[in-house]
Amino acid sequence: MPDSVWSRTLREFRERVAGTARAPAGVATACVTAALGMSLLIKVLEIAGRRKAIPREWIGRAQRIAADLALAADEDTAAVLARDVAKMSAIPPAAARAAGEGIELCAEAAPRIDGAIAADLAAAAHLLRGAMDAIRACTSGEPG
C-alpha cells in the first residue's frame, strides 16, 4: 500500500488530490471527509457525555466507523494506483454504508445534544451526507 493519506499533512493531501496522479481522487477524498465528520461526532459525544448520559457504546461505534472510513481512504488510493478493479468496485459501497451508519448515529444522538455543540452535530451529519453522496456519484459517474 502506498503512503497512508493519514501520514501526511492536510496541505500535502490537498496538493496530492489537486495533482495529476490517478489517486487519491474522489472516493478517497470523500472517505477523508466522512472520517473527519465522524471525528466531529466523536467530539460532540464526548463533550455531551460529560453533562448527560450518553451511551459509551455510541462513542465506540463512532470510533469504529471513523476507523473504517479512514482505512477506506487508504485502500481506495492503493486500489486505484494498483488498478485493482475488484477492490475499486468493493470499497465505495462499503464506505458509503459506513457513512450512512454515521448519519444514523447522528440522528440517534440528536435528541440528547443541545447547546452550542448541536451545531457541530449538524455539521458532522452534513459532512457525512455530502461524503456519502460523493462516493455514490463517483461510482455512478453521474453528478449529484
N, C-alpha and C. Protein backbone atom coordinates (compact mmCIF):
# COMPACT_ATOMS: atom_id res chain seq x y z
N MET A 1 0.86 -1.18 0.00
CA MET A 1 0.00 0.00 0.00
C MET A 1 0.89 1.23 0.00
N PRO A 2 0.54 2.23 -0.82
CA PRO A 2 1.34 3.46 -0.82
C PRO A 2 1.22 4.16 0.53
N ASP A 3 1.95 5.25 0.66
CA ASP A 3 1.87 6.02 1.90
C ASP A 3 0.42 6.29 2.26
N SER A 4 0.15 6.21 3.54
CA SER A 4 -1.19 6.50 4.02
C SER A 4 -1.51 7.97 3.83
N VAL A 5 -2.77 8.26 3.48
CA VAL A 5 -3.17 9.66 3.40
C VAL A 5 -3.08 10.30 4.78
N TRP A 6 -3.11 9.48 5.81
CA TRP A 6 -3.09 9.98 7.19
C TRP A 6 -1.70 10.27 7.70
N SER A 7 -0.67 9.90 6.96
CA SER A 7 0.70 10.17 7.41
C SER A 7 1.22 11.50 6.88
N ARG A 8 0.40 12.19 6.13
CA ARG A 8 0.77 13.47 5.54
C ARG A 8 -0.05 14.60 6.17
N THR A 9 0.37 15.81 5.93
CA THR A 9 -0.41 16.95 6.41
C THR A 9 -1.63 17.13 5.53
N LEU A 10 -2.59 17.89 6.02
CA LEU A 10 -3.76 18.20 5.19
C LEU A 10 -3.35 18.95 3.93
N ARG A 11 -2.38 19.83 4.05
CA ARG A 11 -1.90 20.56 2.87
C ARG A 11 -1.34 19.59 1.83
N GLU A 12 -0.54 18.63 2.28
CA GLU A 12 0.02 17.65 1.34
C GLU A 12 -1.09 16.83 0.70
N PHE A 13 -2.07 16.43 1.48
CA PHE A 13 -3.18 15.66 0.92
C PHE A 13 -3.93 16.50 -0.12
N ARG A 14 -4.23 17.74 0.22
CA ARG A 14 -4.93 18.63 -0.70
C ARG A 14 -4.14 18.78 -2.00
N GLU A 15 -2.83 18.93 -1.89
CA GLU A 15 -2.00 19.09 -3.08
C GLU A 15 -1.96 17.80 -3.90
N ARG A 16 -1.95 16.64 -3.23
CA ARG A 16 -1.98 15.37 -3.96
C ARG A 16 -3.30 15.21 -4.70
N VAL A 17 -4.39 15.58 -4.06
CA VAL A 17 -5.70 15.50 -4.71
C VAL A 17 -5.73 16.42 -5.93
N ALA A 18 -5.15 17.60 -5.81
CA ALA A 18 -5.15 18.57 -6.90
C ALA A 18 -4.16 18.21 -8.01
N GLY A 19 -3.28 17.27 -7.75
CA GLY A 19 -2.27 16.90 -8.73
C GLY A 19 -2.81 16.03 -9.84
N THR A 20 -1.92 15.57 -10.70
CA THR A 20 -2.33 14.80 -11.87
C THR A 20 -2.24 13.29 -11.67
N ALA A 21 -1.76 12.84 -10.51
CA ALA A 21 -1.73 11.40 -10.25
C ALA A 21 -3.15 10.86 -10.19
N ARG A 22 -3.33 9.61 -10.52
CA ARG A 22 -4.66 9.00 -10.54
C ARG A 22 -5.31 8.95 -9.17
N ALA A 23 -4.51 8.92 -8.13
CA ALA A 23 -5.07 8.82 -6.77
C ALA A 23 -4.16 9.58 -5.82
N PRO A 24 -4.73 10.11 -4.76
CA PRO A 24 -6.12 9.99 -4.33
C PRO A 24 -7.03 10.87 -5.18
N ALA A 25 -8.27 10.41 -5.28
CA ALA A 25 -9.25 11.17 -6.06
C ALA A 25 -10.57 11.20 -5.30
N GLY A 26 -11.67 11.08 -6.02
CA GLY A 26 -12.99 11.31 -5.45
C GLY A 26 -13.36 10.45 -4.26
N VAL A 27 -13.25 9.14 -4.38
CA VAL A 27 -13.67 8.27 -3.29
C VAL A 27 -12.79 8.48 -2.07
N ALA A 28 -11.48 8.51 -2.25
CA ALA A 28 -10.58 8.70 -1.11
C ALA A 28 -10.85 10.04 -0.43
N THR A 29 -11.06 11.08 -1.22
CA THR A 29 -11.34 12.40 -0.65
C THR A 29 -12.65 12.38 0.12
N ALA A 30 -13.66 11.74 -0.41
CA ALA A 30 -14.93 11.63 0.30
C ALA A 30 -14.78 10.81 1.59
N CYS A 31 -13.97 9.78 1.56
CA CYS A 31 -13.74 8.98 2.76
C CYS A 31 -13.02 9.80 3.84
N VAL A 32 -12.08 10.62 3.42
CA VAL A 32 -11.40 11.51 4.38
C VAL A 32 -12.41 12.48 4.97
N THR A 33 -13.26 13.04 4.14
CA THR A 33 -14.29 13.96 4.61
C THR A 33 -15.20 13.27 5.61
N ALA A 34 -15.63 12.06 5.29
CA ALA A 34 -16.52 11.31 6.19
C ALA A 34 -15.81 10.98 7.50
N ALA A 35 -14.54 10.61 7.43
CA ALA A 35 -13.79 10.31 8.65
C ALA A 35 -13.68 11.56 9.53
N LEU A 36 -13.50 12.71 8.92
CA LEU A 36 -13.47 13.97 9.69
C LEU A 36 -14.84 14.27 10.28
N GLY A 37 -15.89 13.99 9.54
CA GLY A 37 -17.24 14.15 10.08
C GLY A 37 -17.45 13.25 11.29
N MET A 38 -16.94 12.03 11.22
CA MET A 38 -17.06 11.11 12.36
C MET A 38 -16.24 11.61 13.54
N SER A 39 -15.09 12.21 13.27
CA SER A 39 -14.28 12.77 14.36
C SER A 39 -15.04 13.89 15.07
N LEU A 40 -15.75 14.69 14.29
CA LEU A 40 -16.56 15.75 14.88
C LEU A 40 -17.70 15.15 15.71
N LEU A 41 -18.31 14.09 15.23
CA LEU A 41 -19.35 13.41 16.00
C LEU A 41 -18.78 12.86 17.31
N ILE A 42 -17.60 12.27 17.26
CA ILE A 42 -16.97 11.75 18.47
C ILE A 42 -16.76 12.88 19.47
N LYS A 43 -16.29 14.02 19.00
CA LYS A 43 -16.09 15.19 19.87
C LYS A 43 -17.41 15.56 20.55
N VAL A 44 -18.48 15.64 19.76
CA VAL A 44 -19.79 16.01 20.30
C VAL A 44 -20.22 15.01 21.37
N LEU A 45 -20.08 13.73 21.08
CA LEU A 45 -20.49 12.70 22.03
C LEU A 45 -19.67 12.76 23.31
N GLU A 46 -18.37 13.00 23.18
CA GLU A 46 -17.51 13.09 24.36
C GLU A 46 -17.89 14.30 25.21
N ILE A 47 -18.11 15.44 24.58
CA ILE A 47 -18.47 16.65 25.33
C ILE A 47 -19.84 16.48 25.98
N ALA A 48 -20.81 16.00 25.22
CA ALA A 48 -22.15 15.81 25.77
C ALA A 48 -22.14 14.77 26.89
N GLY A 49 -21.27 13.78 26.75
CA GLY A 49 -21.17 12.73 27.76
C GLY A 49 -20.72 13.23 29.12
N ARG A 50 -20.09 14.38 29.16
CA ARG A 50 -19.67 14.97 30.44
C ARG A 50 -20.87 15.50 31.21
N ARG A 51 -21.92 15.91 30.49
CA ARG A 51 -23.08 16.54 31.13
C ARG A 51 -24.30 15.64 31.17
N LYS A 52 -24.39 14.70 30.26
CA LYS A 52 -25.58 13.86 30.12
C LYS A 52 -25.18 12.41 29.99
N ALA A 53 -26.16 11.57 30.12
CA ALA A 53 -25.93 10.14 29.93
C ALA A 53 -25.89 9.84 28.44
N ILE A 54 -24.72 9.78 27.91
CA ILE A 54 -24.51 9.41 26.52
C ILE A 54 -23.92 7.99 26.54
N PRO A 55 -24.58 7.05 25.88
CA PRO A 55 -24.06 5.67 25.91
C PRO A 55 -22.63 5.59 25.37
N ARG A 56 -21.75 4.99 26.14
CA ARG A 56 -20.36 4.80 25.70
C ARG A 56 -20.33 3.97 24.41
N GLU A 57 -21.35 3.16 24.23
CA GLU A 57 -21.44 2.34 23.02
C GLU A 57 -21.48 3.23 21.78
N TRP A 58 -22.13 4.40 21.88
CA TRP A 58 -22.17 5.31 20.74
C TRP A 58 -20.79 5.78 20.36
N ILE A 59 -19.98 6.09 21.36
CA ILE A 59 -18.62 6.55 21.07
C ILE A 59 -17.81 5.43 20.44
N GLY A 60 -17.96 4.22 20.96
CA GLY A 60 -17.27 3.07 20.36
C GLY A 60 -17.69 2.83 18.92
N ARG A 61 -18.98 2.93 18.65
CA ARG A 61 -19.48 2.78 17.27
C ARG A 61 -18.89 3.86 16.38
N ALA A 62 -18.91 5.10 16.88
CA ALA A 62 -18.39 6.21 16.08
C ALA A 62 -16.90 6.02 15.79
N GLN A 63 -16.15 5.55 16.76
CA GLN A 63 -14.72 5.31 16.55
C GLN A 63 -14.48 4.20 15.54
N ARG A 64 -15.31 3.16 15.58
CA ARG A 64 -15.17 2.06 14.62
C ARG A 64 -15.48 2.55 13.21
N ILE A 65 -16.56 3.31 13.07
CA ILE A 65 -16.93 3.84 11.76
C ILE A 65 -15.85 4.77 11.23
N ALA A 66 -15.32 5.64 12.09
CA ALA A 66 -14.25 6.55 11.68
C ALA A 66 -13.03 5.78 11.20
N ALA A 67 -12.69 4.71 11.91
CA ALA A 67 -11.53 3.89 11.52
C ALA A 67 -11.79 3.20 10.18
N ASP A 68 -13.01 2.70 9.99
CA ASP A 68 -13.36 2.05 8.72
C ASP A 68 -13.24 3.04 7.55
N LEU A 69 -13.71 4.26 7.75
CA LEU A 69 -13.64 5.26 6.69
C LEU A 69 -12.20 5.70 6.42
N ALA A 70 -11.42 5.83 7.49
CA ALA A 70 -10.01 6.19 7.31
C ALA A 70 -9.28 5.11 6.52
N LEU A 71 -9.54 3.86 6.84
CA LEU A 71 -8.92 2.75 6.12
C LEU A 71 -9.39 2.73 4.66
N ALA A 72 -10.67 3.00 4.45
CA ALA A 72 -11.20 3.01 3.08
C ALA A 72 -10.49 4.04 2.21
N ALA A 73 -10.13 5.19 2.78
CA ALA A 73 -9.40 6.20 2.01
C ALA A 73 -8.07 5.65 1.52
N ASP A 74 -7.35 4.96 2.40
CA ASP A 74 -6.08 4.36 2.01
C ASP A 74 -6.27 3.21 1.04
N GLU A 75 -7.26 2.37 1.31
CA GLU A 75 -7.49 1.21 0.44
C GLU A 75 -7.90 1.64 -0.96
N ASP A 76 -8.73 2.67 -1.06
CA ASP A 76 -9.14 3.15 -2.37
C ASP A 76 -7.96 3.71 -3.14
N THR A 77 -7.14 4.50 -2.46
CA THR A 77 -5.96 5.06 -3.11
C THR A 77 -5.06 3.93 -3.63
N ALA A 78 -4.82 2.93 -2.80
CA ALA A 78 -3.97 1.81 -3.20
C ALA A 78 -4.58 1.04 -4.36
N ALA A 79 -5.89 0.80 -4.31
CA ALA A 79 -6.56 0.05 -5.38
C ALA A 79 -6.49 0.79 -6.70
N VAL A 80 -6.71 2.10 -6.67
CA VAL A 80 -6.65 2.88 -7.91
C VAL A 80 -5.24 2.85 -8.48
N LEU A 81 -4.25 3.05 -7.63
CA LEU A 81 -2.86 3.05 -8.13
C LEU A 81 -2.45 1.68 -8.65
N ALA A 82 -2.97 0.61 -8.04
CA ALA A 82 -2.63 -0.75 -8.48
C ALA A 82 -3.53 -1.23 -9.61
N ARG A 83 -4.51 -0.41 -9.96
CA ARG A 83 -5.50 -0.78 -10.98
C ARG A 83 -6.22 -2.08 -10.62
N ASP A 84 -6.51 -2.23 -9.33
CA ASP A 84 -7.19 -3.41 -8.81
C ASP A 84 -8.70 -3.18 -8.90
N VAL A 85 -9.28 -3.60 -10.02
CA VAL A 85 -10.68 -3.31 -10.32
C VAL A 85 -11.61 -3.93 -9.28
N ALA A 86 -11.31 -5.11 -8.79
CA ALA A 86 -12.18 -5.75 -7.80
C ALA A 86 -12.28 -4.90 -6.54
N LYS A 87 -11.13 -4.45 -6.06
CA LYS A 87 -11.17 -3.60 -4.85
C LYS A 87 -11.77 -2.24 -5.14
N MET A 88 -11.48 -1.69 -6.33
CA MET A 88 -12.05 -0.39 -6.69
C MET A 88 -13.57 -0.47 -6.74
N SER A 89 -14.11 -1.66 -6.99
CA SER A 89 -15.56 -1.84 -7.01
C SER A 89 -16.13 -2.10 -5.63
N ALA A 90 -15.35 -2.73 -4.76
CA ALA A 90 -15.86 -3.13 -3.44
C ALA A 90 -15.76 -2.02 -2.40
N ILE A 91 -14.78 -1.17 -2.50
CA ILE A 91 -14.54 -0.16 -1.46
C ILE A 91 -15.63 0.90 -1.40
N PRO A 92 -16.05 1.50 -2.50
CA PRO A 92 -17.05 2.57 -2.40
C PRO A 92 -18.37 2.17 -1.74
N PRO A 93 -18.96 1.02 -2.09
CA PRO A 93 -20.23 0.68 -1.42
C PRO A 93 -20.06 0.50 0.09
N ALA A 94 -18.96 -0.10 0.49
CA ALA A 94 -18.71 -0.28 1.93
C ALA A 94 -18.50 1.06 2.62
N ALA A 95 -17.79 1.96 1.95
CA ALA A 95 -17.56 3.29 2.52
C ALA A 95 -18.86 4.08 2.60
N ALA A 96 -19.70 3.98 1.58
CA ALA A 96 -20.99 4.68 1.60
C ALA A 96 -21.87 4.14 2.73
N ARG A 97 -21.84 2.81 2.95
CA ARG A 97 -22.60 2.23 4.06
C ARG A 97 -22.08 2.74 5.39
N ALA A 98 -20.76 2.84 5.53
CA ALA A 98 -20.18 3.35 6.78
C ALA A 98 -20.60 4.80 7.02
N ALA A 99 -20.56 5.61 5.98
CA ALA A 99 -21.02 7.00 6.13
C ALA A 99 -22.49 7.03 6.52
N GLY A 100 -23.28 6.15 5.93
CA GLY A 100 -24.69 6.06 6.28
C GLY A 100 -24.90 5.67 7.74
N GLU A 101 -24.07 4.77 8.24
CA GLU A 101 -24.13 4.42 9.66
C GLU A 101 -23.82 5.64 10.53
N GLY A 102 -22.89 6.44 10.09
CA GLY A 102 -22.55 7.65 10.82
C GLY A 102 -23.71 8.63 10.85
N ILE A 103 -24.40 8.75 9.73
CA ILE A 103 -25.58 9.63 9.66
C ILE A 103 -26.65 9.13 10.62
N GLU A 104 -26.87 7.82 10.64
CA GLU A 104 -27.85 7.24 11.56
C GLU A 104 -27.47 7.51 13.02
N LEU A 105 -26.19 7.41 13.33
CA LEU A 105 -25.74 7.67 14.69
C LEU A 105 -25.95 9.14 15.06
N CYS A 106 -25.73 10.03 14.12
CA CYS A 106 -26.01 11.46 14.35
C CYS A 106 -27.49 11.65 14.69
N ALA A 107 -28.35 11.01 13.92
CA ALA A 107 -29.79 11.14 14.16
C ALA A 107 -30.19 10.54 15.51
N GLU A 108 -29.58 9.44 15.86
CA GLU A 108 -29.86 8.80 17.15
C GLU A 108 -29.43 9.70 18.31
N ALA A 109 -28.30 10.37 18.14
CA ALA A 109 -27.77 11.22 19.21
C ALA A 109 -28.47 12.57 19.30
N ALA A 110 -29.04 13.04 18.21
CA ALA A 110 -29.58 14.40 18.14
C ALA A 110 -30.51 14.78 19.30
N PRO A 111 -31.42 13.91 19.71
CA PRO A 111 -32.31 14.33 20.81
C PRO A 111 -31.59 14.60 22.14
N ARG A 112 -30.39 14.10 22.28
CA ARG A 112 -29.64 14.29 23.53
C ARG A 112 -28.60 15.41 23.44
N ILE A 113 -28.51 16.04 22.30
CA ILE A 113 -27.48 17.07 22.11
C ILE A 113 -28.15 18.43 22.04
N ASP A 114 -27.69 19.35 22.87
CA ASP A 114 -28.23 20.70 22.83
C ASP A 114 -27.10 21.70 23.05
N GLY A 115 -27.46 22.95 23.02
CA GLY A 115 -26.45 23.99 23.21
C GLY A 115 -25.59 24.17 21.98
N ALA A 116 -24.45 24.76 22.20
CA ALA A 116 -23.54 25.11 21.11
C ALA A 116 -23.07 23.90 20.31
N ILE A 117 -22.93 22.74 20.97
CA ILE A 117 -22.41 21.57 20.24
C ILE A 117 -23.44 20.97 19.29
N ALA A 118 -24.70 21.39 19.39
CA ALA A 118 -25.69 20.91 18.43
C ALA A 118 -25.31 21.33 17.01
N ALA A 119 -24.69 22.48 16.87
CA ALA A 119 -24.24 22.93 15.55
C ALA A 119 -23.14 22.01 15.02
N ASP A 120 -22.27 21.54 15.90
CA ASP A 120 -21.22 20.60 15.48
C ASP A 120 -21.81 19.26 15.07
N LEU A 121 -22.85 18.83 15.77
CA LEU A 121 -23.53 17.59 15.39
C LEU A 121 -24.15 17.75 14.00
N ALA A 122 -24.78 18.89 13.76
CA ALA A 122 -25.36 19.14 12.44
C ALA A 122 -24.27 19.16 11.37
N ALA A 123 -23.14 19.78 11.67
CA ALA A 123 -22.03 19.82 10.71
C ALA A 123 -21.53 18.41 10.42
N ALA A 124 -21.42 17.58 11.45
CA ALA A 124 -20.97 16.20 11.26
C ALA A 124 -21.93 15.45 10.33
N ALA A 125 -23.22 15.60 10.57
CA ALA A 125 -24.21 14.92 9.74
C ALA A 125 -24.13 15.41 8.28
N HIS A 126 -23.95 16.71 8.08
CA HIS A 126 -23.86 17.25 6.72
C HIS A 126 -22.58 16.77 6.02
N LEU A 127 -21.47 16.72 6.75
CA LEU A 127 -20.24 16.20 6.15
C LEU A 127 -20.41 14.75 5.72
N LEU A 128 -21.04 13.97 6.58
CA LEU A 128 -21.26 12.56 6.26
C LEU A 128 -22.19 12.40 5.07
N ARG A 129 -23.26 13.18 5.04
CA ARG A 129 -24.21 13.10 3.92
C ARG A 129 -23.51 13.50 2.61
N GLY A 130 -22.76 14.57 2.64
CA GLY A 130 -22.05 15.00 1.44
C GLY A 130 -21.04 13.96 0.98
N ALA A 131 -20.33 13.36 1.94
CA ALA A 131 -19.35 12.33 1.60
C ALA A 131 -20.04 11.11 0.99
N MET A 132 -21.14 10.71 1.59
CA MET A 132 -21.86 9.55 1.06
C MET A 132 -22.36 9.84 -0.35
N ASP A 133 -22.91 11.01 -0.56
CA ASP A 133 -23.37 11.38 -1.90
C ASP A 133 -22.20 11.41 -2.90
N ALA A 134 -21.05 11.93 -2.46
CA ALA A 134 -19.88 11.99 -3.34
C ALA A 134 -19.38 10.59 -3.71
N ILE A 135 -19.36 9.70 -2.73
CA ILE A 135 -18.94 8.32 -3.01
C ILE A 135 -19.86 7.70 -4.03
N ARG A 136 -21.15 7.87 -3.84
CA ARG A 136 -22.12 7.31 -4.78
C ARG A 136 -21.98 7.93 -6.17
N ALA A 137 -21.72 9.23 -6.22
CA ALA A 137 -21.52 9.89 -7.52
C ALA A 137 -20.29 9.35 -8.23
N CYS A 138 -19.24 9.06 -7.47
CA CYS A 138 -18.03 8.52 -8.08
C CYS A 138 -18.26 7.15 -8.70
N THR A 139 -19.14 6.37 -8.09
CA THR A 139 -19.37 5.04 -8.62
C THR A 139 -20.42 5.02 -9.72
N SER A 140 -21.31 6.02 -9.72
CA SER A 140 -22.34 6.05 -10.76
C SER A 140 -21.88 6.83 -11.99
N GLY A 141 -20.89 7.70 -11.75
CA GLY A 141 -20.41 8.53 -12.84
C GLY A 141 -21.32 9.70 -13.15
N GLU A 142 -22.34 9.89 -12.30
CA GLU A 142 -23.26 10.99 -12.52
C GLU A 142 -23.15 12.00 -11.40
N PRO A 143 -23.15 13.29 -11.72
CA PRO A 143 -23.08 14.30 -10.68
C PRO A 143 -24.37 14.32 -9.86
N GLY A 144 -24.19 14.38 -8.51
CA GLY A 144 -25.31 14.53 -7.58
C GLY A 144 -26.51 13.82 -8.03
